[in-house]
Amino acid sequence: MAESDWPKKGPMAAQAKAKSSSLAAQRAGEYVEASKKWAAGQNKQHWITKNTAKLDLGTEELHQDRVSLEVGKVIPQGRQSKGLTQKALVTKINEKPQVVADRERGRAISNNQVLGKIQRAIGLKLRGKDIGKPIEKGLRAK
């Protein structure tokens, strides 16, 4: 089948034509350079973040901030003062049991959204300077 016999429709025809011409060049003993494009033809946008680039270069040690041990000690105190078990607290804040357990041990990565839920449930501050002090009831700052 000659190249002029190939159907001239859509991208498949172009791919087939390119493949046949590269195979013909290989059979003739010519040098053929082929490069495979990563995610070519897909609607994907992959951006390398600054942290990923630093990790690849190995120039900087990156780490996530963890919940402090002070916060880990305050959570069980507040939980017990409200008469809640870990399971009851988990149910009240609608999170997984591991979330509360990791924060009590000080192993969890700091997440203000989860800390806010726990803080409201036990009535003690877990963020800022006044960790362990009762939350004042009143108007929230806007």
Protein backbone atom coordinates (compact mmCIF):
# COMPACT_ATOMS: atom_id res chain seq x y z
CA MET A 1 0.00 0.00 0.00
CA ALA A 2 1.51 3.31 -1.06
CA GLU A 3 1.44 6.43 1.08
CA SER A 4 -1.03 8.06 -1.32
CA ASP A 5 -3.49 5.22 -0.55
CA TRP A 6 -3.72 6.18 3.14
CA PRO A 7 -7.01 7.78 4.17
CA LYS A 8 -6.62 11.48 4.84
CA LYS A 9 -9.03 11.71 7.79
CA GLY A 10 -8.24 12.85 11.36
CA PRO A 11 -5.23 12.35 13.59
CA MET A 12 -5.12 8.59 13.06
CA ALA A 13 -4.13 9.07 9.41
CA ALA A 14 -1.31 11.41 10.40
CA GLN A 15 -0.07 8.99 13.05
CA ALA A 16 -0.15 6.05 10.62
CA LYS A 17 1.66 8.06 7.94
CA ALA A 18 4.35 9.18 10.39
CA LYS A 19 4.79 5.63 11.61
CA SER A 20 5.09 4.18 8.13
CA SER A 21 7.65 6.78 7.06
CA SER A 22 9.74 6.17 10.18
CA LEU A 23 9.61 2.39 9.61
CA ALA A 24 10.69 2.88 5.99
CA ALA A 25 13.63 5.01 7.14
CA GLN A 26 14.63 2.34 9.69
CA ARG A 27 14.53 -0.38 7.02
CA ALA A 28 16.79 1.76 4.84
CA GLY A 29 19.28 1.95 7.72
CA GLU A 30 18.85 5.64 8.40
CA TYR A 31 19.05 7.15 11.87
CA VAL A 32 15.56 7.81 13.26
CA GLU A 33 15.12 9.83 16.42
CA ALA A 34 11.88 9.32 18.29
CA SER A 35 10.82 11.05 21.46
CA LYS A 36 7.79 10.13 23.48
CA LYS A 37 5.90 13.09 24.83
CA TRP A 38 4.64 12.77 28.35
CA ALA A 39 0.85 13.21 28.65
CA ALA A 40 0.69 14.38 25.05
CA GLY A 41 -2.80 14.92 23.76
CA GLN A 42 -4.37 14.91 27.18
CA ASN A 43 -5.95 17.85 28.89
CA LYS A 44 -3.75 17.64 31.96
CA GLN A 45 -1.85 20.45 33.54
CA HIS A 46 0.97 19.36 35.80
CA TRP A 47 2.91 22.12 37.43
CA ILE A 48 6.03 21.40 39.41
CA THR A 49 5.66 23.23 42.66
CA LYS A 50 8.50 25.00 44.38
CA ASN A 51 8.62 22.36 47.13
CA THR A 52 8.76 19.52 44.62
CA ALA A 53 11.66 21.16 42.83
CA LYS A 54 13.51 21.62 46.14
CA LEU A 55 12.94 17.97 47.02
CA ASP A 56 14.23 16.90 43.61
CA LEU A 57 17.34 19.01 43.99
CA GLY A 58 17.86 17.89 47.56
CA THR A 59 19.01 21.35 48.56
CA GLU A 60 16.60 21.92 51.38
CA GLU A 61 15.02 19.73 53.99
CA LEU A 62 11.27 20.23 53.93
CA HIS A 63 9.04 19.23 56.80
CA GLN A 64 5.45 19.77 57.84
CA ASP A 65 4.61 21.50 61.12
CA ARG A 66 3.21 19.06 63.63
CA VAL A 67 0.76 19.63 66.45
CA SER A 68 2.69 20.57 69.58
CA LEU A 69 2.80 18.28 72.60
CA GLU A 70 1.16 21.06 74.62
CA VAL A 71 -1.90 20.82 72.40
CA GLY A 72 -1.71 17.03 72.70
CA LYS A 73 -1.97 17.32 76.49
CA VAL A 74 -4.81 19.88 76.42
CA ILE A 75 -7.12 17.80 74.19
CA PRO A 76 -7.53 14.86 76.63
CA GLN A 77 -7.92 17.27 79.57
CA GLY A 78 -10.71 19.16 77.82
CA ARG A 79 -12.27 15.96 76.59
CA GLN A 80 -12.36 14.47 80.09
CA SER A 81 -13.68 17.70 81.64
CA LYS A 82 -16.64 17.51 79.21
CA GLY A 83 -17.06 13.80 79.99
CA LEU A 84 -16.26 12.72 76.42
CA THR A 85 -14.39 9.63 75.31
CA GLN A 86 -12.23 9.74 72.20
CA LYS A 87 -15.00 7.96 70.32
CA ALA A 88 -17.63 10.49 71.48
CA LEU A 89 -15.38 13.40 70.48
CA VAL A 90 -14.79 11.84 67.07
CA THR A 91 -18.54 11.48 66.57
CA LYS A 92 -19.14 15.06 67.69
CA ILE A 93 -16.59 16.59 65.29
CA ASN A 94 -17.38 14.14 62.47
CA GLU A 95 -13.80 12.99 61.84
CA LYS A 96 -11.98 9.65 61.83
CA PRO A 97 -10.78 8.18 65.16
CA GLN A 98 -7.15 8.36 63.99
CA VAL A 99 -7.48 12.15 63.63
CA VAL A 100 -8.07 12.69 67.36
CA ALA A 101 -5.61 9.99 68.43
CA ASP A 102 -2.79 11.49 66.34
CA ARG A 103 -3.44 14.99 67.68
CA GLU A 104 -3.41 13.76 71.27
CA ARG A 105 -0.04 12.11 70.65
CA GLY A 106 1.36 15.17 68.87
CA ARG A 107 2.07 13.21 65.69
CA ALA A 108 -0.46 14.85 63.36
CA ILE A 109 0.28 17.55 60.82
CA SER A 110 -1.22 20.82 61.97
CA ASN A 111 -4.63 21.47 60.40
CA ASN A 112 -6.46 24.56 61.65
CA GLN A 113 -9.83 23.32 60.44
CA VAL A 114 -9.67 20.14 62.53
CA LEU A 115 -8.17 21.96 65.51
CA GLY A 116 -11.06 24.44 65.32
CA LYS A 117 -13.61 21.62 65.46
CA ILE A 118 -11.90 20.01 68.45
CA GLN A 119 -11.50 23.40 70.13
CA ARG A 120 -15.24 24.15 69.89
CA ALA A 121 -16.16 20.63 71.08
CA ILE A 122 -13.98 20.69 74.22
CA GLY A 123 -14.29 24.42 74.96
CA LEU A 124 -10.53 25.05 75.28
CA LYS A 125 -8.22 27.03 73.01
CA LEU A 126 -5.83 24.92 70.96
CA ARG A 127 -4.38 27.64 68.74
CA GLY A 128 -2.58 30.89 69.41
CA LYS A 129 -0.92 32.09 72.60
CA ASP A 130 -3.56 31.04 75.12
CA ILE A 131 -3.48 27.27 74.56
CA GLY A 132 -5.50 25.47 77.24
CA LYS A 133 -7.56 28.49 78.35
CA PRO A 134 -11.36 28.39 78.08
CA ILE A 135 -13.00 29.84 75.00
CA GLU A 136 -14.95 33.00 75.77
CA LYS A 137 -18.57 32.82 74.73
CA GLY A 138 -19.63 35.86 72.77
CA LEU A 139 -19.39 37.52 69.41
CA ARG A 140 -16.85 36.16 66.99
CA ALA A 141 -14.42 38.58 65.40
CA LYS A 142 -15.12 39.29 61.75
